[in-house]
């Protein structure tokens, strides 16, 4: 029976990753029941498995959305901490976040895009770097195989294909599996940084991706220029709600000047969006208290 349950949970986890969904996996690590039993709660509400107690199952199912909203990867909690009604029950549960590998699609392999690609790969993201200039996408320049290189004959097609996990014109000849194509097609777990060499290319990329609802879309440029672009897209009939989610100008305000600093500001905003961070100084409270 335990083997069948484990197989069911494994299948459910695989399906979540395929569909780009998010789920919470709970494991009983201490308590009266069988240690190691698991329960998976998908964001849709689908439940697979059991921790061996109806009361405990009900409690973790109720708490799962709270855990997922926290953006934490893993938390170890005693039953009374997530379910006060179970304060008298001795149970320790490990909560784990299940989601697909985070990806960044970078439109533009100039100084900022190149720096962002290298930095994002080092930080643990899988990167797709797109440009219409093949000479900017050599493996000599980007030896890290976590960075996929795509030469764009058409910006819109290239970026939409990259989000869908079926990039064309790539330099290394690799093909991704159906699972990854289906996952990224939803835009889940994907961040888009539009940092091409010109306004025309920026607009072309933004038009292509704004309706795909990835986790993050950022557009480089001044406030004036990005306002012009967004207003033009509104006039063309783009959904105002979707446009409101575009980070333009892209990145956090850290006073960045060099391409590497601009890349850092962009990646910091992407991480903050993914993790639920506020992008403020962690020591602000100390200075406020001193004042």
Protein backbone atom coordinates (compact mmCIF):
# COMPACT_ATOMS: atom_id res chain seq x y z
CA UNK A 1 0.00 0.00 0.00
CA UNK A 2 2.83 2.39 0.93
CA UNK A 3 4.52 1.59 -2.38
CA UNK A 4 1.33 2.38 -4.29
CA UNK A 5 0.95 5.68 -2.44
CA UNK A 6 4.57 6.60 -3.15
CA UNK A 7 4.03 5.86 -6.83
CA UNK A 8 0.90 8.00 -6.87
CA UNK A 9 2.72 10.91 -5.25
CA UNK A 10 5.66 10.55 -7.64
CA UNK A 11 3.24 10.60 -10.57
CA UNK A 12 1.47 13.67 -9.17
CA UNK A 13 4.78 15.48 -8.67
CA UNK A 14 5.77 14.68 -12.24
CA UNK A 15 2.46 15.98 -13.51
CA UNK A 16 2.85 19.22 -11.55
CA UNK A 17 6.27 19.81 -13.06
CA UNK A 18 4.95 18.99 -16.53
CA UNK A 19 2.07 21.43 -16.20
CA UNK A 20 4.15 24.13 -14.54
CA UNK A 21 1.99 23.93 -11.43
CA UNK A 22 3.07 24.48 -7.84
CA UNK A 23 2.41 22.08 -4.96
CA UNK A 24 3.26 21.51 -1.31
CA UNK A 25 4.72 18.15 -0.30
CA UNK A 26 4.35 17.27 3.37
CA UNK A 27 6.33 14.50 5.09
CA UNK A 28 5.74 13.20 8.60
CA UNK A 29 9.15 13.20 10.30
CA UNK A 30 8.03 12.75 13.91
CA UNK A 31 4.78 11.53 15.45
CA UNK A 32 2.61 8.57 16.34
CA UNK A 33 2.04 7.48 12.76
CA UNK A 34 4.36 5.87 10.20
CA UNK A 35 7.41 8.09 9.80
CA UNK A 36 8.09 9.11 6.21
CA UNK A 37 4.52 9.04 4.91
CA UNK A 38 3.72 11.88 2.54
CA UNK A 39 0.86 14.03 1.36
CA UNK A 40 0.92 16.27 -1.72
CA UNK A 41 -1.41 19.26 -2.01
CA UNK A 42 -1.51 20.97 -5.40
CA UNK A 43 -2.41 24.64 -5.78
CA UNK A 44 -5.58 23.47 -7.52
CA UNK A 45 -6.59 21.72 -4.29
CA UNK A 46 -5.95 18.17 -5.51
CA UNK A 47 -4.67 15.97 -2.67
CA UNK A 48 -2.58 12.81 -3.06
CA UNK A 49 -1.41 10.63 -0.20
CA UNK A 50 -1.94 10.83 3.54
CA UNK A 51 0.00 11.42 6.76
CA UNK A 52 -1.98 8.65 8.41
CA UNK A 53 -4.39 10.80 10.41
CA UNK A 54 -7.57 12.43 9.19
CA UNK A 55 -7.13 15.39 11.53
CA UNK A 56 -3.52 15.91 10.49
CA UNK A 57 -4.40 15.55 6.81
CA UNK A 58 -7.11 18.20 7.14
CA UNK A 59 -4.68 20.51 8.90
CA UNK A 60 -1.89 20.26 6.31
CA UNK A 61 -4.35 20.63 3.44
CA UNK A 62 -5.66 23.83 5.04
CA UNK A 63 -2.15 25.16 5.71
CA UNK A 64 -0.65 24.26 2.31
CA UNK A 65 -1.83 27.47 0.55
CA UNK A 66 -0.33 29.52 3.38
CA UNK A 67 2.99 27.73 2.99
CA UNK A 68 2.99 28.21 -0.79
CA UNK A 69 2.15 31.90 -0.43
CA UNK A 70 5.18 32.35 1.86
CA UNK A 71 7.54 31.46 -1.05
CA UNK A 72 9.60 29.29 1.33
CA UNK A 73 11.35 26.26 -0.14
CA UNK A 74 11.27 24.12 3.01
CA UNK A 75 9.88 24.51 6.52
CA UNK A 76 9.85 22.12 9.47
CA UNK A 77 6.86 22.71 11.71
CA UNK A 78 5.32 21.12 14.79
CA UNK A 79 1.61 20.47 14.36
CA UNK A 80 0.62 23.17 16.85
CA UNK A 81 2.47 25.79 14.80
CA UNK A 82 0.35 25.37 11.68
CA UNK A 83 -2.80 23.99 13.34
CA UNK A 84 -3.55 25.34 16.86
CA UNK A 85 -6.37 22.81 17.21
CA UNK A 86 -3.69 20.07 17.14
CA UNK A 87 -1.57 21.58 19.91
CA UNK A 88 -1.97 18.42 21.96
CA UNK A 89 -0.83 16.18 19.09
CA UNK A 90 2.85 15.27 18.83
CA UNK A 91 3.68 15.56 15.15
CA UNK A 92 6.48 17.25 13.22
CA UNK A 93 5.92 17.82 9.51
CA UNK A 94 8.33 18.92 6.79
CA UNK A 95 6.76 21.16 4.15
CA UNK A 96 8.49 21.33 0.76
CA UNK A 97 7.69 23.51 -2.23
CA UNK A 98 7.38 21.64 -5.54
CA UNK A 99 7.78 23.69 -8.70
CA UNK A 100 9.66 23.59 -11.99
CA UNK A 101 13.22 24.88 -12.37
CA UNK A 102 13.25 28.71 -12.64
CA UNK A 103 14.20 30.09 -16.04
CA UNK A 104 15.17 33.46 -17.43
CA UNK A 105 14.71 34.37 -21.08
CA UNK A 106 16.92 37.33 -21.99
CA UNK A 107 16.19 39.26 -25.17
CA UNK A 108 19.43 40.93 -26.19
CA UNK A 109 23.02 39.73 -25.85
CA UNK A 110 24.65 43.14 -25.56
CA UNK A 111 26.64 44.22 -22.52
CA UNK A 112 23.69 44.14 -20.10
CA UNK A 113 22.15 40.94 -21.48
CA UNK A 114 25.46 39.12 -21.49
CA UNK A 115 26.22 40.15 -17.91
CA UNK A 116 22.72 39.14 -16.81
CA UNK A 117 23.00 35.73 -18.49
CA UNK A 118 26.25 34.91 -16.71
CA UNK A 119 25.02 36.20 -13.37
CA UNK A 120 21.67 34.38 -13.57
CA UNK A 121 23.30 31.07 -14.49
CA UNK A 122 25.64 31.38 -11.52
CA UNK A 123 22.65 32.08 -9.27
CA UNK A 124 20.92 28.84 -10.31
CA UNK A 125 18.61 29.90 -13.13
CA UNK A 126 18.44 28.16 -16.48
CA UNK A 127 19.02 30.85 -19.05
CA UNK A 128 18.00 31.35 -22.67
CA UNK A 129 19.89 34.20 -24.32
CA UNK A 130 18.45 35.50 -27.61
CA UNK A 131 19.87 37.90 -30.18
CA UNK A 132 19.62 38.40 -33.93
CA UNK A 133 23.40 38.78 -34.18
CA UNK A 134 24.95 35.34 -34.21
CA UNK A 135 28.43 36.70 -33.54
CA UNK A 136 27.23 37.78 -30.09
CA UNK A 137 26.27 34.21 -29.17
CA UNK A 138 29.39 32.10 -29.49
CA UNK A 139 30.28 29.39 -26.99
CA UNK A 140 33.65 31.05 -26.57
CA UNK A 141 31.83 33.99 -25.01
CA UNK A 142 29.39 31.82 -23.03
CA UNK A 143 31.05 28.50 -22.13
CA UNK A 144 28.51 27.83 -19.34
CA UNK A 145 26.14 25.19 -20.75
CA UNK A 146 23.38 26.42 -18.44
CA UNK A 147 23.09 29.31 -20.88
CA UNK A 148 21.21 28.32 -24.03
CA UNK A 149 22.07 30.44 -27.06
CA UNK A 150 19.41 31.26 -29.64
CA UNK A 151 19.95 33.25 -32.84
CA UNK A 152 16.72 35.00 -33.79
CA UNK A 153 15.62 35.29 -37.41
CA UNK A 154 12.41 36.77 -36.02
CA UNK A 155 12.39 38.24 -32.50
CA UNK A 156 8.73 37.50 -31.79
CA UNK A 157 8.96 33.87 -32.89
CA UNK A 158 12.24 33.32 -31.06
CA UNK A 159 11.13 34.71 -27.72
CA UNK A 160 7.72 33.01 -27.76
CA UNK A 161 9.38 29.71 -28.66
CA UNK A 162 11.89 30.18 -25.85
CA UNK A 163 9.11 30.72 -23.32
CA UNK A 164 7.40 27.63 -24.69
CA UNK A 165 10.63 25.66 -24.27
CA UNK A 166 10.97 24.93 -27.98
CA UNK A 167 13.62 27.43 -29.05
CA UNK A 168 14.64 27.52 -32.68
CA UNK A 169 17.93 28.61 -34.15
CA UNK A 170 19.89 27.54 -31.09
CA UNK A 171 23.63 27.23 -31.50
CA UNK A 172 24.31 23.95 -29.69
CA UNK A 173 21.77 21.75 -31.49
CA UNK A 174 20.04 20.49 -28.33
CA UNK A 175 16.34 19.65 -28.15
CA UNK A 176 14.25 19.84 -24.99
CA UNK A 177 11.71 17.23 -24.00
CA UNK A 178 7.97 17.46 -24.20
CA UNK A 179 7.74 17.95 -20.44
CA UNK A 180 9.75 21.15 -20.54
CA UNK A 181 7.84 22.47 -23.55
CA UNK A 182 4.52 21.95 -21.78
CA UNK A 183 5.79 23.49 -18.55
CA UNK A 184 7.12 26.71 -20.05
CA UNK A 185 4.20 27.10 -22.44
CA UNK A 186 2.19 28.32 -19.47
CA UNK A 187 4.83 30.92 -18.64
CA UNK A 188 5.12 29.53 -15.12
CA UNK A 189 8.56 29.78 -13.58
CA UNK A 190 9.77 31.97 -16.46
CA UNK A 191 11.12 35.52 -16.19
CA UNK A 192 11.61 37.71 -19.26
CA UNK A 193 14.22 40.47 -19.44
CA UNK A 194 13.92 42.62 -22.58
CA UNK A 195 17.25 44.40 -23.02
CA UNK A 196 17.86 44.49 -26.77
CA UNK A 197 20.00 47.04 -28.60
CA UNK A 198 17.09 49.12 -29.90
CA UNK A 199 13.57 50.33 -29.14
CA UNK A 200 12.10 48.60 -32.19
CA UNK A 201 13.41 45.20 -31.06
CA UNK A 202 12.27 45.87 -27.47
CA UNK A 203 8.74 46.61 -28.62
CA UNK A 204 8.65 43.56 -30.86
CA UNK A 205 9.65 41.31 -27.96
CA UNK A 206 7.19 42.90 -25.55
CA UNK A 207 4.30 42.48 -27.98
CA UNK A 208 5.20 38.82 -28.32
CA UNK A 209 5.32 37.99 -24.60
CA UNK A 210 2.87 40.26 -22.81
CA UNK A 211 -0.06 37.89 -23.36
CA UNK A 212 1.86 34.78 -22.26
CA UNK A 213 1.71 35.71 -18.56
CA UNK A 214 5.19 34.66 -17.42
CA UNK A 215 6.11 35.28 -13.78
CA UNK A 216 8.04 38.44 -14.62
CA UNK A 217 8.42 40.76 -17.61
CA UNK A 218 10.91 43.62 -17.51
CA UNK A 219 11.61 46.23 -20.19
CA UNK A 220 14.78 48.31 -20.23
CA UNK A 221 14.67 52.05 -20.97
CA UNK A 222 13.99 55.41 -19.37
CA UNK A 223 10.66 56.23 -17.74
CA UNK A 224 9.71 58.41 -20.68
CA UNK A 225 10.63 55.83 -23.29
CA UNK A 226 8.95 52.91 -21.53
CA UNK A 227 5.80 55.00 -20.99
CA UNK A 228 5.68 55.67 -24.74
CA UNK A 229 6.02 51.97 -25.51
CA UNK A 230 3.33 50.91 -23.04
CA UNK A 231 0.92 53.63 -24.18
CA UNK A 232 1.41 52.61 -27.81
CA UNK A 233 0.56 49.01 -26.90
CA UNK A 234 -2.57 50.14 -25.04
CA UNK A 235 -3.67 51.99 -28.16
CA UNK A 236 -3.10 48.81 -30.14
CA UNK A 237 -5.51 46.98 -27.86
CA UNK A 238 -3.19 45.21 -25.42
CA UNK A 239 -4.82 44.23 -22.13
CA UNK A 240 -4.16 47.09 -19.63
CA UNK A 241 -4.09 44.57 -16.79
CA UNK A 242 -1.27 42.63 -18.43
CA UNK A 243 0.65 45.80 -19.27
CA UNK A 244 0.39 46.88 -15.63
CA UNK A 245 2.51 43.87 -14.68
CA UNK A 246 5.43 44.91 -16.90
CA UNK A 247 8.40 46.19 -14.90
CA UNK A 248 9.41 49.25 -16.90
CA UNK A 249 12.01 50.54 -16.37
CA UNK A 250 13.40 47.14 -15.47
CA UNK A 251 15.22 46.39 -12.21
CA UNK A 252 15.55 47.77 -8.69
CA UNK A 253 16.89 51.24 -8.01
CA UNK A 254 20.43 50.61 -6.73
CA UNK A 255 22.04 53.49 -8.60
CA UNK A 256 23.41 51.09 -11.22
CA UNK A 257 25.77 52.53 -13.84
CA UNK A 258 27.88 49.75 -15.39
CA UNK A 259 26.33 46.88 -17.39
CA UNK A 260 27.18 44.50 -14.57
CA UNK A 261 25.46 46.74 -12.03
CA UNK A 262 22.38 47.05 -14.24
CA UNK A 263 22.33 43.25 -14.58
CA UNK A 264 22.54 42.95 -10.79
CA UNK A 265 19.59 45.36 -10.39
CA UNK A 266 17.54 43.29 -12.87
CA UNK A 267 18.36 39.96 -11.27
CA UNK A 268 17.63 41.36 -7.80
CA UNK A 269 14.13 42.35 -8.92
CA UNK A 270 13.55 38.94 -10.52
CA UNK A 271 14.62 37.18 -7.32
CA UNK A 272 12.45 39.50 -5.20
CA UNK A 273 9.44 38.71 -7.40
CA UNK A 274 10.11 34.98 -7.20
CA UNK A 275 10.72 34.93 -3.45
CA UNK A 276 8.20 37.55 -2.40
CA UNK A 277 10.85 40.02 -1.24
CA UNK A 278 10.24 43.74 -0.84
CA UNK A 279 13.55 44.97 -2.25
CA UNK A 280 14.26 47.21 0.74
CA UNK A 281 17.28 47.53 3.00
CA UNK A 282 17.29 44.84 5.69
CA UNK A 283 18.90 47.27 8.13
CA UNK A 284 16.37 50.08 7.63
CA UNK A 285 14.73 49.27 10.97
CA UNK A 286 18.00 49.82 12.79
CA UNK A 287 18.59 53.25 11.31
CA UNK A 288 14.96 54.24 11.91
CA UNK A 289 15.29 53.21 15.57
CA UNK A 290 18.51 55.22 15.92
CA UNK A 291 16.85 58.32 14.45
